[in-house]
Amino acid sequence: MTFFFYGTLCHPALLRVVLGREAVSVPATLADCAVHWAQTGPFPVLAVRAAAKAMGKLVQGLTP
């Protein structure tokens, strides 16, 4: 499986904790989406926005 990670999960040490292992990632963008801070807490969320690009990391080879 391939996943797009953004915001705080682009930090390698945090992503390693979440995944339980090292992961090779490459820079990626998600078209028509933007990263914003959530109104309910200090964490990022994705929002659909035409012509926007959300910056993040792409990780391949993940399993359930």
N, C-alpha and C. Protein backbone atom coordinates (compact mmCIF):
# COMPACT_ATOMS: atom_id res chain seq x y z
N MET A 1 0.84 -1.17 0.00
CA MET A 1 0.00 0.00 0.00
C MET A 1 0.89 1.24 0.00
N THR A 2 0.36 2.29 -0.57
CA THR A 2 1.05 3.57 -0.62
C THR A 2 0.22 4.60 0.12
N PHE A 3 0.87 5.40 0.98
CA PHE A 3 0.17 6.42 1.75
C PHE A 3 0.85 7.77 1.57
N PHE A 4 0.04 8.81 1.61
CA PHE A 4 0.51 10.19 1.60
C PHE A 4 0.42 10.71 3.03
N PHE A 5 1.54 11.18 3.57
CA PHE A 5 1.57 11.74 4.91
C PHE A 5 1.87 13.23 4.79
N TYR A 6 1.29 14.02 5.70
CA TYR A 6 1.47 15.46 5.66
C TYR A 6 1.57 15.99 7.09
N GLY A 7 1.90 17.25 7.20
CA GLY A 7 1.95 17.88 8.52
C GLY A 7 2.99 17.24 9.41
N THR A 8 2.61 16.98 10.65
CA THR A 8 3.55 16.47 11.64
C THR A 8 4.09 15.08 11.29
N LEU A 9 3.36 14.32 10.48
CA LEU A 9 3.84 12.98 10.12
C LEU A 9 4.96 13.02 9.07
N CYS A 10 5.33 14.20 8.62
CA CYS A 10 6.50 14.32 7.76
C CYS A 10 7.79 14.30 8.57
N HIS A 11 7.68 14.43 9.88
CA HIS A 11 8.85 14.38 10.76
C HIS A 11 9.27 12.91 10.87
N PRO A 12 10.47 12.55 10.42
CA PRO A 12 10.87 11.14 10.36
C PRO A 12 10.75 10.39 11.69
N ALA A 13 11.13 11.02 12.79
CA ALA A 13 11.07 10.33 14.09
C ALA A 13 9.62 10.02 14.49
N LEU A 14 8.71 10.94 14.25
CA LEU A 14 7.31 10.71 14.58
C LEU A 14 6.71 9.65 13.67
N LEU A 15 7.02 9.70 12.39
CA LEU A 15 6.51 8.69 11.45
C LEU A 15 7.01 7.31 11.83
N ARG A 16 8.26 7.21 12.27
CA ARG A 16 8.83 5.93 12.71
C ARG A 16 8.05 5.37 13.90
N VAL A 17 7.68 6.22 14.85
CA VAL A 17 6.91 5.78 16.01
C VAL A 17 5.51 5.31 15.57
N VAL A 18 4.88 6.06 14.70
CA VAL A 18 3.53 5.71 14.25
C VAL A 18 3.53 4.39 13.47
N LEU A 19 4.50 4.22 12.58
CA LEU A 19 4.55 3.01 11.76
C LEU A 19 5.18 1.82 12.48
N GLY A 20 5.96 2.09 13.52
CA GLY A 20 6.63 1.01 14.22
C GLY A 20 7.88 0.53 13.53
N ARG A 21 8.34 1.28 12.55
CA ARG A 21 9.55 0.91 11.82
C ARG A 21 10.00 2.09 10.98
N GLU A 22 11.22 1.98 10.45
CA GLU A 22 11.73 2.99 9.53
C GLU A 22 10.94 2.91 8.22
N ALA A 23 10.80 4.02 7.56
CA ALA A 23 10.12 4.03 6.26
C ALA A 23 10.87 4.97 5.33
N VAL A 24 11.00 4.55 4.10
CA VAL A 24 11.61 5.39 3.08
C VAL A 24 10.50 6.25 2.49
N SER A 25 10.69 7.55 2.50
CA SER A 25 9.67 8.45 1.96
C SER A 25 10.28 9.35 0.90
N VAL A 26 9.43 9.83 0.02
CA VAL A 26 9.85 10.78 -1.01
C VAL A 26 8.92 11.99 -0.95
N PRO A 27 9.42 13.17 -1.25
CA PRO A 27 8.56 14.34 -1.26
C PRO A 27 7.42 14.16 -2.27
N ALA A 28 6.25 14.66 -1.91
CA ALA A 28 5.08 14.52 -2.78
C ALA A 28 4.12 15.68 -2.56
N THR A 29 3.24 15.88 -3.51
CA THR A 29 2.19 16.88 -3.37
C THR A 29 0.85 16.22 -3.66
N LEU A 30 -0.18 16.69 -3.00
CA LEU A 30 -1.54 16.21 -3.20
C LEU A 30 -2.31 17.35 -3.83
N ALA A 31 -2.72 17.15 -5.08
CA ALA A 31 -3.40 18.20 -5.83
C ALA A 31 -4.80 18.49 -5.27
N ASP A 32 -5.20 19.73 -5.40
CA ASP A 32 -6.52 20.20 -5.01
C ASP A 32 -6.81 20.01 -3.52
N CYS A 33 -5.77 20.03 -2.70
CA CYS A 33 -5.92 19.96 -1.25
C CYS A 33 -4.95 20.96 -0.61
N ALA A 34 -5.33 21.43 0.58
CA ALA A 34 -4.49 22.35 1.33
C ALA A 34 -4.42 21.88 2.78
N VAL A 35 -3.30 22.15 3.43
CA VAL A 35 -3.11 21.79 4.83
C VAL A 35 -3.46 23.02 5.69
N HIS A 36 -4.33 22.81 6.67
CA HIS A 36 -4.74 23.87 7.60
C HIS A 36 -4.63 23.33 9.01
N TRP A 37 -4.57 24.23 9.99
CA TRP A 37 -4.63 23.83 11.40
C TRP A 37 -6.08 23.60 11.77
N ALA A 38 -6.36 22.54 12.50
CA ALA A 38 -7.72 22.23 12.95
C ALA A 38 -8.21 23.29 13.92
N GLN A 39 -9.50 23.57 13.87
CA GLN A 39 -10.09 24.53 14.80
C GLN A 39 -10.22 23.95 16.20
N THR A 40 -10.24 22.61 16.30
CA THR A 40 -10.48 21.95 17.59
C THR A 40 -9.21 21.51 18.30
N GLY A 41 -8.05 21.76 17.72
CA GLY A 41 -6.83 21.33 18.38
C GLY A 41 -5.60 21.67 17.58
N PRO A 42 -4.43 21.43 18.15
CA PRO A 42 -3.17 21.79 17.50
C PRO A 42 -2.66 20.70 16.57
N PHE A 43 -3.42 20.41 15.53
CA PHE A 43 -2.96 19.41 14.57
C PHE A 43 -3.44 19.79 13.17
N PRO A 44 -2.73 19.33 12.15
CA PRO A 44 -3.08 19.70 10.78
C PRO A 44 -4.20 18.82 10.22
N VAL A 45 -4.96 19.40 9.30
CA VAL A 45 -6.01 18.66 8.59
C VAL A 45 -5.93 19.03 7.11
N LEU A 46 -6.43 18.13 6.28
CA LEU A 46 -6.50 18.41 4.84
C LEU A 46 -7.87 18.97 4.50
N ALA A 47 -7.88 19.93 3.60
CA ALA A 47 -9.13 20.49 3.11
C ALA A 47 -9.07 20.53 1.59
N VAL A 48 -10.17 20.20 0.95
CA VAL A 48 -10.24 20.26 -0.51
C VAL A 48 -10.26 21.74 -0.91
N ARG A 49 -9.35 22.11 -1.80
CA ARG A 49 -9.32 23.48 -2.32
C ARG A 49 -8.76 23.43 -3.73
N ALA A 50 -9.59 23.83 -4.69
CA ALA A 50 -9.20 23.79 -6.09
C ALA A 50 -7.90 24.55 -6.33
N ALA A 51 -7.06 23.97 -7.11
CA ALA A 51 -5.77 24.54 -7.54
C ALA A 51 -4.73 24.62 -6.42
N ALA A 52 -5.03 24.14 -5.24
CA ALA A 52 -4.05 24.12 -4.14
C ALA A 52 -3.20 22.86 -4.24
N LYS A 53 -2.08 22.86 -3.51
CA LYS A 53 -1.21 21.69 -3.43
C LYS A 53 -0.78 21.51 -1.99
N ALA A 54 -1.06 20.35 -1.43
CA ALA A 54 -0.61 20.02 -0.08
C ALA A 54 0.74 19.32 -0.19
N MET A 55 1.72 19.82 0.53
CA MET A 55 3.05 19.23 0.52
C MET A 55 3.10 18.12 1.57
N GLY A 56 3.79 17.04 1.23
CA GLY A 56 3.91 15.94 2.17
C GLY A 56 4.95 14.94 1.72
N LYS A 57 4.77 13.72 2.19
CA LYS A 57 5.69 12.61 1.87
C LYS A 57 4.89 11.41 1.42
N LEU A 58 5.40 10.67 0.47
CA LEU A 58 4.78 9.46 -0.02
C LEU A 58 5.61 8.28 0.47
N VAL A 59 4.93 7.30 1.08
CA VAL A 59 5.58 6.10 1.58
C VAL A 59 4.93 4.89 0.91
N GLN A 60 5.75 4.07 0.26
CA GLN A 60 5.25 2.88 -0.42
C GLN A 60 5.64 1.63 0.37
N GLY A 61 4.96 0.52 0.05
CA GLY A 61 5.31 -0.75 0.66
C GLY A 61 4.79 -0.97 2.05
N LEU A 62 3.74 -0.24 2.44
CA LEU A 62 3.16 -0.42 3.77
C LEU A 62 2.16 -1.57 3.77
N THR A 63 1.97 -2.18 4.90
CA THR A 63 1.03 -3.29 5.04
C THR A 63 0.05 -2.98 6.16
N PRO A 64 -1.09 -3.67 6.16
CA PRO A 64 -2.06 -3.43 7.25
C PRO A 64 -1.46 -3.69 8.62
